[in-house]
Amino acid sequence: MNTRKILINADYGGFDLSEQACELYLSKKNLAFSKIPRENPLFGNKCSFQVGGDYWSAYKVQRDDPVLIEVVEELGLEKSAGVFASLKIVEIPLDVEWEIFEYDGVEEIHEKKRKWS
């Protein structure tokens, strides 16, 4: 059976990528980026990223993006996760139309009559 891999946040806190994962993702996508130090990095990465003069966020990345999955598999789940994130790669059948359902930061993959977490 053909499957697709999707990255979710598996615990309370919310989806986020580490600074290292963001840099590796942007590099592998051949996107020129700049790092801007954050004034208060207490609850996140020490830097924000800009691509083409616009603020870039990991939230904009499709969770089944093969490059994203490659980065997470290369770095490992722990090194890829942002400060409060607990990442997990879920595999679902390729033909499933899916969406991410989120409650208090915990995410699941949902289909009309099935769900994976």
PDB file of N, CA and C in Angstrom:
ATOM      1  N   MET A   1       0.838  -1.186   0.000  1.00  0.00           N
ATOM      2  CA  MET A   1       0.000   0.000   0.000  1.00  0.00           C
ATOM      3  C   MET A   1       0.884   1.250   0.000  1.00  0.00           C
ATOM      4  N   ASN A   2       0.570   2.186  -0.839  1.00  0.00           N
ATOM      5  CA  ASN A   2       1.304   3.449  -0.874  1.00  0.00           C
ATOM      6  C   ASN A   2       0.810   4.356   0.247  1.00  0.00           C
ATOM      7  N   THR A   3       1.761   4.998   0.906  1.00  0.00           N
ATOM      8  CA  THR A   3       1.406   5.899   2.003  1.00  0.00           C
ATOM      9  C   THR A   3       2.079   7.251   1.825  1.00  0.00           C
ATOM     10  N   ARG A   4       1.600   8.199   2.588  1.00  0.00           N
ATOM     11  CA  ARG A   4       2.237   9.519   2.653  1.00  0.00           C
ATOM     12  C   ARG A   4       2.579   9.781   4.109  1.00  0.00           C
ATOM     13  N   LYS A   5       3.664  10.522   4.321  1.00  0.00           N
ATOM     14  CA  LYS A   5       4.085  10.899   5.661  1.00  0.00           C
ATOM     15  C   LYS A   5       3.654  12.342   5.916  1.00  0.00           C
ATOM     16  N   ILE A   6       3.151  12.550   7.130  1.00  0.00           N
ATOM     17  CA  ILE A   6       2.687  13.881   7.533  1.00  0.00           C
ATOM     18  C   ILE A   6       3.265  14.185   8.908  1.00  0.00           C
ATOM     19  N   LEU A   7       3.765  15.398   9.095  1.00  0.00           N
ATOM     20  CA  LEU A   7       4.348  15.816  10.364  1.00  0.00           C
ATOM     21  C   LEU A   7       3.284  16.512  11.209  1.00  0.00           C
ATOM     22  N   ILE A   8       3.124  16.038  12.457  1.00  0.00           N
ATOM     23  CA  ILE A   8       2.174  16.664  13.372  1.00  0.00           C
ATOM     24  C   ILE A   8       2.851  16.933  14.709  1.00  0.00           C
ATOM     25  N   ASN A   9       2.184  17.707  15.547  1.00  0.00           N
ATOM     26  CA  ASN A   9       2.594  17.892  16.930  1.00  0.00           C
ATOM     27  C   ASN A   9       1.767  16.930  17.770  1.00  0.00           C
ATOM     28  N   ALA A  10       2.427  16.090  18.564  1.00  0.00           N
ATOM     29  CA  ALA A  10       1.750  14.996  19.254  1.00  0.00           C
ATOM     30  C   ALA A  10       1.461  15.262  20.730  1.00  0.00           C
ATOM     31  N   ASP A  11       1.706  16.464  21.212  1.00  0.00           N
ATOM     32  CA  ASP A  11       1.468  16.749  22.620  1.00  0.00           C
ATOM     33  C   ASP A  11       1.050  18.211  22.768  1.00  0.00           C
ATOM     34  N   TYR A  12       0.613  18.572  23.951  1.00  0.00           N
ATOM     35  CA  TYR A  12       0.222  19.959  24.201  1.00  0.00           C
ATOM     36  C   TYR A  12       1.408  20.876  23.960  1.00  0.00           C
ATOM     37  N   GLY A  13       1.137  22.071  23.501  1.00  0.00           N
ATOM     38  CA  GLY A  13       2.197  23.045  23.265  1.00  0.00           C
ATOM     39  C   GLY A  13       2.106  23.671  21.894  1.00  0.00           C
ATOM     40  N   GLY A  14       1.959  22.878  20.860  1.00  0.00           N
ATOM     41  CA  GLY A  14       1.797  23.427  19.532  1.00  0.00           C
ATOM     42  C   GLY A  14       2.947  23.131  18.599  1.00  0.00           C
ATOM     43  N   PHE A  15       2.610  23.064  17.324  1.00  0.00           N
ATOM     44  CA  PHE A  15       3.589  22.777  16.277  1.00  0.00           C
ATOM     45  C   PHE A  15       4.600  23.911  16.161  1.00  0.00           C
ATOM     46  N   ASP A  16       5.854  23.541  16.061  1.00  0.00           N
ATOM     47  CA  ASP A  16       6.916  24.500  15.791  1.00  0.00           C
ATOM     48  C   ASP A  16       8.171  23.712  15.431  1.00  0.00           C
ATOM     49  N   LEU A  17       9.004  24.303  14.615  1.00  0.00           N
ATOM     50  CA  LEU A  17      10.281  23.703  14.254  1.00  0.00           C
ATOM     51  C   LEU A  17      11.405  24.425  14.974  1.00  0.00           C
ATOM     52  N   SER A  18      12.472  23.709  15.249  1.00  0.00           N
ATOM     53  CA  SER A  18      13.657  24.326  15.842  1.00  0.00           C
ATOM     54  C   SER A  18      14.317  25.241  14.815  1.00  0.00           C
ATOM     55  N   GLU A  19      15.175  26.084  15.316  1.00  0.00           N
ATOM     56  CA  GLU A  19      15.935  26.983  14.445  1.00  0.00           C
ATOM     57  C   GLU A  19      16.781  26.170  13.460  1.00  0.00           C
ATOM     58  N   GLN A  20      17.400  25.097  13.949  1.00  0.00           N
ATOM     59  CA  GLN A  20      18.225  24.239  13.100  1.00  0.00           C
ATOM     60  C   GLN A  20      17.382  23.604  11.989  1.00  0.00           C
ATOM     61  N   ALA A  21      16.190  23.135  12.316  1.00  0.00           N
ATOM     62  CA  ALA A  21      15.314  22.519  11.311  1.00  0.00           C
ATOM     63  C   ALA A  21      14.854  23.556  10.282  1.00  0.00           C
ATOM     64  N   CYS A  22      14.542  24.754  10.741  1.00  0.00           N
ATOM     65  CA  CYS A  22      14.131  25.818   9.811  1.00  0.00           C
ATOM     66  C   CYS A  22      15.252  26.131   8.821  1.00  0.00           C
ATOM     67  N   GLU A  23      16.462  26.299   9.333  1.00  0.00           N
ATOM     68  CA  GLU A  23      17.607  26.601   8.467  1.00  0.00           C
ATOM     69  C   GLU A  23      17.852  25.496   7.450  1.00  0.00           C
ATOM     70  N   LEU A  24      17.811  24.249   7.900  1.00  0.00           N
ATOM     71  CA  LEU A  24      18.056  23.131   7.002  1.00  0.00           C
ATOM     72  C   LEU A  24      16.958  23.034   5.942  1.00  0.00           C
ATOM     73  N   TYR A  25      15.710  23.230   6.350  1.00  0.00           N
ATOM     74  CA  TYR A  25      14.594  23.204   5.407  1.00  0.00           C
ATOM     75  C   TYR A  25      14.771  24.273   4.330  1.00  0.00           C
ATOM     76  N   LEU A  26      15.024  25.503   4.748  1.00  0.00           N
ATOM     77  CA  LEU A  26      15.175  26.607   3.797  1.00  0.00           C
ATOM     78  C   LEU A  26      16.367  26.369   2.865  1.00  0.00           C
ATOM     79  N   SER A  27      17.442  25.835   3.392  1.00  0.00           N
ATOM     80  CA  SER A  27      18.625  25.534   2.572  1.00  0.00           C
ATOM     81  C   SER A  27      18.316  24.454   1.539  1.00  0.00           C
ATOM     82  N   LYS A  28      17.642  23.384   1.971  1.00  0.00           N
ATOM     83  CA  LYS A  28      17.312  22.294   1.052  1.00  0.00           C
ATOM     84  C   LYS A  28      16.321  22.741  -0.033  1.00  0.00           C
ATOM     85  N   LYS A  29      15.490  23.740   0.273  1.00  0.00           N
ATOM     86  CA  LYS A  29      14.545  24.281  -0.708  1.00  0.00           C
ATOM     87  C   LYS A  29      15.209  25.335  -1.598  1.00  0.00           C
ATOM     88  N   ASN A  30      16.503  25.590  -1.363  1.00  0.00           N
ATOM     89  CA  ASN A  30      17.270  26.607  -2.101  1.00  0.00           C
ATOM     90  C   ASN A  30      16.637  27.993  -1.998  1.00  0.00           C
ATOM     91  N   LEU A  31      16.137  28.316  -0.806  1.00  0.00           N
ATOM     92  CA  LEU A  31      15.557  29.632  -0.554  1.00  0.00           C
ATOM     93  C   LEU A  31      16.573  30.492   0.183  1.00  0.00           C
ATOM     94  N   ALA A  32      16.903  31.634  -0.392  1.00  0.00           N
ATOM     95  CA  ALA A  32      17.805  32.563   0.279  1.00  0.00           C
ATOM     96  C   ALA A  32      17.058  33.152   1.472  1.00  0.00           C
ATOM     97  N   PHE A  33      17.688  33.126   2.640  1.00  0.00           N
ATOM     98  CA  PHE A  33      17.015  33.616   3.844  1.00  0.00           C
ATOM     99  C   PHE A  33      17.983  34.407   4.698  1.00  0.00           C
ATOM    100  N   SER A  34      17.418  35.217   5.556  1.00  0.00           N
ATOM    101  CA  SER A  34      18.225  35.914   6.546  1.00  0.00           C
ATOM    102  C   SER A  34      17.621  35.639   7.921  1.00  0.00           C
ATOM    103  N   LYS A  35      18.506  35.644   8.920  1.00  0.00           N
ATOM    104  CA  LYS A  35      18.081  35.421  10.298  1.00  0.00           C
ATOM    105  C   LYS A  35      18.052  36.762  11.011  1.00  0.00           C
ATOM    106  N   ILE A  36      16.956  37.021  11.701  1.00  0.00           N
ATOM    107  CA  ILE A  36      16.817  38.260  12.455  1.00  0.00           C
ATOM    108  C   ILE A  36      16.702  37.902  13.935  1.00  0.00           C
ATOM    109  N   PRO A  37      17.636  38.368  14.764  1.00  0.00           N
ATOM    110  CA  PRO A  37      17.561  38.052  16.194  1.00  0.00           C
ATOM    111  C   PRO A  37      16.250  38.550  16.803  1.00  0.00           C
ATOM    112  N   ARG A  38      15.661  37.735  17.642  1.00  0.00           N
ATOM    113  CA  ARG A  38      14.434  38.126  18.351  1.00  0.00           C
ATOM    114  C   ARG A  38      14.803  38.874  19.614  1.00  0.00           C
ATOM    115  N   GLU A  39      13.969  39.862  19.960  1.00  0.00           N
ATOM    116  CA  GLU A  39      14.219  40.617  21.179  1.00  0.00           C
ATOM    117  C   GLU A  39      14.039  39.745  22.418  1.00  0.00           C
ATOM    118  N   ASN A  40      13.011  38.872  22.397  1.00  0.00           N
ATOM    119  CA  ASN A  40      12.727  38.022  23.549  1.00  0.00           C
ATOM    120  C   ASN A  40      12.539  36.586  23.079  1.00  0.00           C
ATOM    121  N   PRO A  41      13.618  35.810  23.043  1.00  0.00           N
ATOM    122  CA  PRO A  41      13.519  34.433  22.554  1.00  0.00           C
ATOM    123  C   PRO A  41      13.081  33.431  23.624  1.00  0.00           C
ATOM    124  N   LEU A  42      12.545  33.913  24.748  1.00  0.00           N
ATOM    125  CA  LEU A  42      12.201  33.045  25.875  1.00  0.00           C
ATOM    126  C   LEU A  42      11.289  31.888  25.469  1.00  0.00           C
ATOM    127  N   PHE A  43      10.325  32.146  24.600  1.00  0.00           N
ATOM    128  CA  PHE A  43       9.357  31.121  24.224  1.00  0.00           C
ATOM    129  C   PHE A  43       9.501  30.643  22.793  1.00  0.00           C
ATOM    130  N   GLY A  44      10.694  30.625  22.273  1.00  0.00           N
ATOM    131  CA  GLY A  44      10.869  30.159  20.902  1.00  0.00           C
ATOM    132  C   GLY A  44      12.315  30.232  20.462  1.00  0.00           C
ATOM    133  N   ASN A  45      12.507  30.201  19.161  1.00  0.00           N
ATOM    134  CA  ASN A  45      13.848  30.286  18.599  1.00  0.00           C
ATOM    135  C   ASN A  45      14.464  31.645  18.886  1.00  0.00           C
ATOM    136  N   LYS A  46      15.788  31.709  18.848  1.00  0.00           N
ATOM    137  CA  LYS A  46      16.486  32.963  19.085  1.00  0.00           C
ATOM    138  C   LYS A  46      16.369  33.907  17.895  1.00  0.00           C
ATOM    139  N   CYS A  47      16.005  33.347  16.728  1.00  0.00           N
ATOM    140  CA  CYS A  47      15.938  34.149  15.508  1.00  0.00           C
ATOM    141  C   CYS A  47      14.618  33.903  14.776  1.00  0.00           C
ATOM    142  N   SER A  48      14.228  34.908  14.022  1.00  0.00           N
ATOM    143  CA  SER A  48      13.145  34.776  13.053  1.00  0.00           C
ATOM    144  C   SER A  48      13.806  34.682  11.684  1.00  0.00           C
ATOM    145  N   PHE A  49      13.050  34.261  10.705  1.00  0.00           N
ATOM    146  CA  PHE A  49      13.596  34.103   9.358  1.00  0.00           C
ATOM    147  C   PHE A  49      12.835  34.967   8.377  1.00  0.00           C
ATOM    148  N   GLN A  50      13.584  35.528   7.426  1.00  0.00           N
ATOM    149  CA  GLN A  50      12.978  36.275   6.330  1.00  0.00           C
ATOM    150  C   GLN A  50      13.412  35.642   5.020  1.00  0.00           C
ATOM    151  N   VAL A  51      12.450  35.492   4.131  1.00  0.00           N
ATOM    152  CA  VAL A  51      12.697  34.975   2.787  1.00  0.00           C
ATOM    153  C   VAL A  51      12.114  35.980   1.816  1.00  0.00           C
ATOM    154  N   GLY A  52      12.954  36.507   0.938  1.00  0.00           N
ATOM    155  CA  GLY A  52      12.486  37.503  -0.020  1.00  0.00           C
ATOM    156  C   GLY A  52      11.919  38.749   0.635  1.00  0.00           C
ATOM    157  N   GLY A  53      12.443  39.109   1.792  1.00  0.00           N
ATOM    158  CA  GLY A  53      11.992  40.308   2.491  1.00  0.00           C
ATOM    159  C   GLY A  53      10.735  40.102   3.318  1.00  0.00           C
ATOM    160  N   ASP A  54      10.127  38.909   3.257  1.00  0.00           N
ATOM    161  CA  ASP A  54       8.913  38.628   4.023  1.00  0.00           C
ATOM    162  C   ASP A  54       9.219  37.694   5.180  1.00  0.00           C
ATOM    163  N   TYR A  55       8.496  37.873   6.268  1.00  0.00           N
ATOM    164  CA  TYR A  55       8.619  36.983   7.407  1.00  0.00           C
ATOM    165  C   TYR A  55       8.239  35.576   6.964  1.00  0.00           C
ATOM    166  N   TRP A  56       9.036  34.586   7.352  1.00  0.00           N
ATOM    167  CA  TRP A  56       8.768  33.189   7.007  1.00  0.00           C
ATOM    168  C   TRP A  56       8.485  32.411   8.279  1.00  0.00           C
ATOM    169  N   SER A  57       7.504  31.536   8.196  1.00  0.00           N
ATOM    170  CA  SER A  57       7.146  30.725   9.349  1.00  0.00           C
ATOM    171  C   SER A  57       6.994  29.265   8.947  1.00  0.00           C
ATOM    172  N   ALA A  58       7.398  28.366   9.827  1.00  0.00           N
ATOM    173  CA  ALA A  58       7.237  26.929   9.588  1.00  0.00           C
ATOM    174  C   ALA A  58       5.767  26.558   9.458  1.00  0.00           C
ATOM    175  N   TYR A  59       4.880  27.369   9.996  1.00  0.00           N
ATOM    176  CA  TYR A  59       3.433  27.102   9.902  1.00  0.00           C
ATOM    177  C   TYR A  59       2.945  27.137   8.454  1.00  0.00           C
ATOM    178  N   LYS A  60       3.686  27.810   7.587  1.00  0.00           N
ATOM    179  CA  LYS A  60       3.293  27.933   6.183  1.00  0.00           C
ATOM    180  C   LYS A  60       3.655  26.696   5.355  1.00  0.00           C
ATOM    181  N   VAL A  61       4.465  25.811   5.915  1.00  0.00           N
ATOM    182  CA  VAL A  61       4.947  24.636   5.188  1.00  0.00           C
ATOM    183  C   VAL A  61       3.875  23.552   5.198  1.00  0.00           C
ATOM    184  N   GLN A  62       3.646  22.956   4.028  1.00  0.00           N
ATOM    185  CA  GLN A  62       2.724  21.828   3.952  1.00  0.00           C
ATOM    186  C   GLN A  62       3.303  20.690   4.769  1.00  0.00           C
ATOM    187  N   ARG A  63       2.524  20.108   5.651  1.00  0.00           N
ATOM    188  CA  ARG A  63       3.032  19.109   6.581  1.00  0.00           C
ATOM    189  C   ARG A  63       3.423  17.797   5.916  1.00  0.00           C
ATOM    190  N   ASP A  64       3.024  17.616   4.654  1.00  0.00           N
ATOM    191  CA  ASP A  64       3.458  16.416   3.930  1.00  0.00           C
ATOM    192  C   ASP A  64       4.533  16.745   2.888  1.00  0.00           C
ATOM    193  N   ASP A  65       5.111  17.925   2.984  1.00  0.00           N
ATOM    194  CA  ASP A  65       6.191  18.331   2.083  1.00  0.00           C
ATOM    195  C   ASP A  65       7.352  17.332   2.237  1.00  0.00           C
ATOM    196  N   PRO A  66       7.746  16.667   1.159  1.00  0.00           N
ATOM    197  CA  PRO A  66       8.828  15.673   1.246  1.00  0.00           C
ATOM    198  C   PRO A  66      10.126  16.241   1.819  1.00  0.00           C
ATOM    199  N   VAL A  67      10.403  17.512   1.546  1.00  0.00           N
ATOM    200  CA  VAL A  67      11.627  18.127   2.088  1.00  0.00           C
ATOM    201  C   VAL A  67      11.505  18.296   3.599  1.00  0.00           C
ATOM    202  N   LEU A  68      10.339  18.673   4.072  1.00  0.00           N
ATOM    203  CA  LEU A  68      10.109  18.791   5.517  1.00  0.00           C
ATOM    204  C   LEU A  68      10.318  17.436   6.197  1.00  0.00           C
ATOM    205  N   ILE A  69       9.731  16.404   5.637  1.00  0.00           N
ATOM    206  CA  ILE A  69       9.871  15.062   6.200  1.00  0.00           C
ATOM    207  C   ILE A  69      11.346  14.633   6.178  1.00  0.00           C
ATOM    208  N   GLU A  70      12.035  14.923   5.086  1.00  0.00           N
ATOM    209  CA  GLU A  70      13.462  14.603   4.972  1.00  0.00           C
ATOM    210  C   GLU A  70      14.275  15.283   6.069  1.00  0.00           C
ATOM    211  N   VAL A  71      13.998  16.568   6.313  1.00  0.00           N
ATOM    212  CA  VAL A  71      14.710  17.329   7.344  1.00  0.00           C
ATOM    213  C   VAL A  71      14.489  16.704   8.722  1.00  0.00           C
ATOM    214  N   VAL A  72      13.252  16.381   9.028  1.00  0.00           N
ATOM    215  CA  VAL A  72      12.928  15.816  10.341  1.00  0.00           C
ATOM    216  C   VAL A  72      13.547  14.431  10.500  1.00  0.00           C
ATOM    217  N   GLU A  73      13.527  13.631   9.458  1.00  0.00           N
ATOM    218  CA  GLU A  73      14.143  12.316   9.539  1.00  0.00           C
ATOM    219  C   GLU A  73      15.667  12.428   9.654  1.00  0.00           C
ATOM    220  N   GLU A  74      16.241  13.432   9.016  1.00  0.00           N
ATOM    221  CA  GLU A  74      17.693  13.639   9.079  1.00  0.00           C
ATOM    222  C   GLU A  74      18.141  14.112  10.461  1.00  0.00           C
ATOM    223  N   LEU A  75      17.446  15.102  11.017  1.00  0.00           N
ATOM    224  CA  LEU A  75      17.823  15.663  12.318  1.00  0.00           C
ATOM    225  C   LEU A  75      17.302  14.839  13.494  1.00  0.00           C
ATOM    226  N   GLY A  76      16.211  14.143  13.277  1.00  0.00           N
ATOM    227  CA  GLY A  76      15.538  13.442  14.366  1.00  0.00           C
ATOM    228  C   GLY A  76      14.422  14.313  14.914  1.00  0.00           C
ATOM    229  N   LEU A  77      13.447  13.665  15.520  1.00  0.00           N
ATOM    230  CA  LEU A  77      12.262  14.381  16.018  1.00  0.00           C
ATOM    231  C   LEU A  77      12.615  15.407  17.089  1.00  0.00           C
ATOM    232  N   GLU A  78      13.480  15.036  18.028  1.00  0.00           N
ATOM    233  CA  GLU A  78      13.818  15.945  19.119  1.00  0.00           C
ATOM    234  C   GLU A  78      14.531  17.202  18.640  1.00  0.00           C
ATOM    235  N   LYS A  79      15.547  17.041  17.791  1.00  0.00           N
ATOM    236  CA  LYS A  79      16.305  18.200  17.304  1.00  0.00           C
ATOM    237  C   LYS A  79      15.490  19.051  16.331  1.00  0.00           C
ATOM    238  N   SER A  80      14.451  18.489  15.750  1.00  0.00           N
ATOM    239  CA  SER A  80      13.617  19.231  14.799  1.00  0.00           C
ATOM    240  C   SER A  80      12.517  20.031  15.481  1.00  0.00           C
ATOM    241  N   ALA A  81      12.178  19.655  16.692  1.00  0.00           N
ATOM    242  CA  ALA A  81      11.042  20.264  17.390  1.00  0.00           C
ATOM    243  C   ALA A  81      11.390  21.611  17.988  1.00  0.00           C
ATOM    244  N   GLY A  82      10.435  22.536  17.887  1.00  0.00           N
ATOM    245  CA  GLY A  82      10.553  23.823  18.559  1.00  0.00           C
ATOM    246  C   GLY A  82      10.436  23.637  20.061  1.00  0.00           C
ATOM    247  N   VAL A  83      10.533  24.730  20.805  1.00  0.00           N
ATOM    248  CA  VAL A  83      10.612  24.700  22.263  1.00  0.00           C
ATOM    249  C   VAL A  83       9.508  23.872  22.927  1.00  0.00           C
ATOM    250  N   PHE A  84       8.257  24.078  22.552  1.00  0.00           N
ATOM    251  CA  PHE A  84       7.153  23.379  23.203  1.00  0.00           C
ATOM    252  C   PHE A  84       6.545  22.284  22.329  1.00  0.00           C
ATOM    253  N   ALA A  85       7.173  21.971  21.230  1.00  0.00           N
ATOM    254  CA  ALA A  85       6.636  20.981  20.293  1.00  0.00           C
ATOM    255  C   ALA A  85       7.115  19.574  20.643  1.00  0.00           C
ATOM    256  N   SER A  86       6.310  18.626  20.241  1.00  0.00           N
ATOM    257  CA  SER A  86       6.646  17.207  20.346  1.00  0.00           C
ATOM    258  C   SER A  86       6.224  16.586  19.022  1.00  0.00           C
ATOM    259  N   LEU A  87       7.147  16.519  18.094  1.00  0.00           N
ATOM    260  CA  LEU A  87       6.806  16.140  16.727  1.00  0.00           C
ATOM    261  C   LEU A  87       6.648  14.637  16.550  1.00  0.00           C
ATOM    262  N   LYS A  88       5.841  14.287  15.569  1.00  0.00           N
ATOM    263  CA  LYS A  88       5.602  12.885  15.223  1.00  0.00           C
ATOM    264  C   LYS A  88       5.302  12.817  13.734  1.00  0.00           C
ATOM    265  N   ILE A  89       5.851  11.802  13.077  1.00  0.00           N
ATOM    266  CA  ILE A  89       5.525  11.564  11.672  1.00  0.00           C
ATOM    267  C   ILE A  89       4.481  10.455  11.630  1.00  0.00           C
ATOM    268  N   VAL A  90       3.357  10.757  10.992  1.00  0.00           N
ATOM    269  CA  VAL A  90       2.256   9.806  10.858  1.00  0.00           C
ATOM    270  C   VAL A  90       2.175   9.395   9.396  1.00  0.00           C
ATOM    271  N   GLU A  91       1.967   8.101   9.151  1.00  0.00           N
ATOM    272  CA  GLU A  91       1.784   7.604   7.782  1.00  0.00           C
ATOM    273  C   GLU A  91       0.330   7.226   7.586  1.00  0.00           C
ATOM    274  N   ILE A  92      -0.241   7.715   6.479  1.00  0.00           N
ATOM    275  CA  ILE A  92      -1.619   7.391   6.131  1.00  0.00           C
ATOM    276  C   ILE A  92      -1.661   6.936   4.669  1.00  0.00           C
ATOM    277  N   PRO A  93      -2.725   6.257   4.268  1.00  0.00           N
ATOM    278  CA  PRO A  93      -2.833   5.853   2.863  1.00  0.00           C
ATOM    279  C   PRO A  93      -2.767   7.058   1.932  1.00  0.00           C
ATOM    280  N   LEU A  94      -2.112   6.867   0.805  1.00  0.00           N
ATOM    281  CA  LEU A  94      -1.887   7.945  -0.158  1.00  0.00           C
ATOM    282  C   LEU A  94      -3.188   8.531  -0.703  1.00  0.00           C
ATOM    283  N   ASP A  95      -4.228   7.728  -0.824  1.00  0.00           N
ATOM    284  CA  ASP A  95      -5.469   8.195  -1.427  1.00  0.00           C
ATOM    285  C   ASP A  95      -6.425   8.893  -0.458  1.00  0.00           C
ATOM    286  N   VAL A  96      -6.030   9.060   0.790  1.00  0.00           N
ATOM    287  CA  VAL A  96      -6.894   9.682   1.794  1.00  0.00           C
ATOM    288  C   VAL A  96      -6.837  11.206   1.684  1.00  0.00           C
ATOM    289  N   GLU A  97      -7.998  11.819   1.660  1.00  0.00           N
ATOM    290  CA  GLU A  97      -8.071  13.283   1.768  1.00  0.00           C
ATOM    291  C   GLU A  97      -8.054  13.593   3.255  1.00  0.00           C
ATOM    292  N   TRP A  98      -7.093  14.378   3.668  1.00  0.00           N
ATOM    293  CA  TRP A  98      -6.862  14.572   5.090  1.00  0.00           C
ATOM    294  C   TRP A  98      -6.813  16.043   5.466  1.00  0.00           C
ATOM    295  N   GLU A  99      -6.907  16.264   6.776  1.00  0.00           N
ATOM    296  CA  GLU A  99      -6.714  17.591   7.346  1.00  0.00           C
ATOM    297  C   GLU A  99      -6.173  17.407   8.750  1.00  0.00           C
ATOM    298  N   ILE A 100      -5.559  18.452   9.254  1.00  0.00           N
ATOM    299  CA  ILE A 100      -5.039  18.400  10.618  1.00  0.00           C
ATOM    300  C   ILE A 100      -6.092  18.983  11.548  1.00  0.00           C
ATOM    301  N   PHE A 101      -6.436  18.221  12.569  1.00  0.00           N
ATOM    302  CA  PHE A 101      -7.329  18.674  13.624  1.00  0.00           C
ATOM    303  C   PHE A 101      -6.455  18.976  14.833  1.00  0.00           C
ATOM    304  N   GLU A 102      -6.641  20.148  15.427  1.00  0.00           N
ATOM    305  CA  GLU A 102      -5.791  20.566  16.544  1.00  0.00           C
ATOM    306  C   GLU A 102      -6.654  20.954  17.741  1.00  0.00           C
ATOM    307  N   TYR A 103      -6.243  20.501  18.918  1.00  0.00           N
ATOM    308  CA  TYR A 103      -6.886  20.900  20.165  1.00  0.00           C
ATOM    309  C   TYR A 103      -5.795  21.138  21.202  1.00  0.00           C
ATOM    310  N   ASP A 104      -5.683  22.370  21.677  1.00  0.00           N
ATOM    311  CA  ASP A 104      -4.659  22.763  22.658  1.00  0.00           C
ATOM    312  C   ASP A 104      -3.245  22.397  22.217  1.00  0.00           C
ATOM    313  N   GLY A 105      -3.009  22.448  20.932  1.00  0.00           N
ATOM    314  CA  GLY A 105      -1.681  22.170  20.403  1.00  0.00           C
ATOM    315  C   GLY A 105      -1.469  20.730  19.973  1.00  0.00           C
ATOM    316  N   VAL A 106      -2.302  19.815  20.476  1.00  0.00           N
ATOM    317  CA  VAL A 106      -2.191  18.410  20.081  1.00  0.00           C
ATOM    318  C   VAL A 106      -2.881  18.243  18.729  1.00  0.00           C
ATOM    319  N   GLU A 107      -2.194  17.631  17.780  1.00  0.00           N
ATOM    320  CA  GLU A 107      -2.729  17.494  16.428  1.00  0.00           C
ATOM    321  C   GLU A 107      -2.981  16.036  16.069  1.00  0.00           C
ATOM    322  N   GLU A 108      -3.996  15.835  15.243  1.00  0.00           N
ATOM    323  CA  GLU A 108      -4.320  14.530  14.687  1.00  0.00           C
ATOM    324  C   GLU A 108      -4.633  14.714  13.214  1.00  0.00           C
ATOM    325  N   ILE A 109      -4.455  13.640  12.452  1.00  0.00           N
ATOM    326  CA  ILE A 109      -4.838  13.647  11.044  1.00  0.00           C
ATOM    327  C   ILE A 109      -6.251  13.081  10.975  1.00  0.00           C
ATOM    328  N   HIS A 110      -7.155  13.812  10.340  1.00  0.00           N
ATOM    329  CA  HIS A 110      -8.547  13.369  10.240  1.00  0.00           C
ATOM    330  C   HIS A 110      -8.974  13.174   8.793  1.00  0.00           C
ATOM    331  N   GLU A 111      -9.780  12.182   8.607  1.00  0.00           N
ATOM    332  CA  GLU A 111     -10.539  11.954   7.392  1.00  0.00           C
ATOM    333  C   GLU A 111     -11.991  11.878   7.837  1.00  0.00           C
ATOM    334  N   LYS A 112     -12.926  11.896   6.920  1.00  0.00           N
ATOM    335  CA  LYS A 112     -14.338  11.890   7.311  1.00  0.00           C
ATOM    336  C   LYS A 112     -14.677  10.838   8.362  1.00  0.00           C
ATOM    337  N   LYS A 113     -14.272   9.604   8.139  1.00  0.00           N
ATOM    338  CA  LYS A 113     -14.686   8.545   9.052  1.00  0.00           C
ATOM    339  C   LYS A 113     -13.539   7.864   9.768  1.00  0.00           C
ATOM    340  N   ARG A 114     -12.313   8.368   9.588  1.00  0.00           N
ATOM    341  CA  ARG A 114     -11.163   7.760  10.245  1.00  0.00           C
ATOM    342  C   ARG A 114     -10.239   8.846  10.788  1.00  0.00           C
ATOM    343  N   LYS A 115      -9.429   8.510  11.775  1.00  0.00           N
ATOM    344  CA  LYS A 115      -8.404   9.450  12.239  1.00  0.00           C
ATOM    345  C   LYS A 115      -7.185   8.678  12.702  1.00  0.00           C
ATOM    346  N   TRP A 116      -6.031   9.338  12.621  1.00  0.00           N
ATOM    347  CA  TRP A 116      -4.748   8.761  13.050  1.00  0.00           C
ATOM    348  C   TRP A 116      -4.094   9.726  14.021  1.00  0.00           C
ATOM    349  N   SER A 117      -3.507   9.215  15.045  1.00  0.00           N
ATOM    350  CA  SER A 117      -2.766  10.086  15.978  1.00  0.00           C
ATOM    351  C   SER A 117      -1.616   9.336  16.599  1.00  0.00           C
TER     352      SER A 117
END
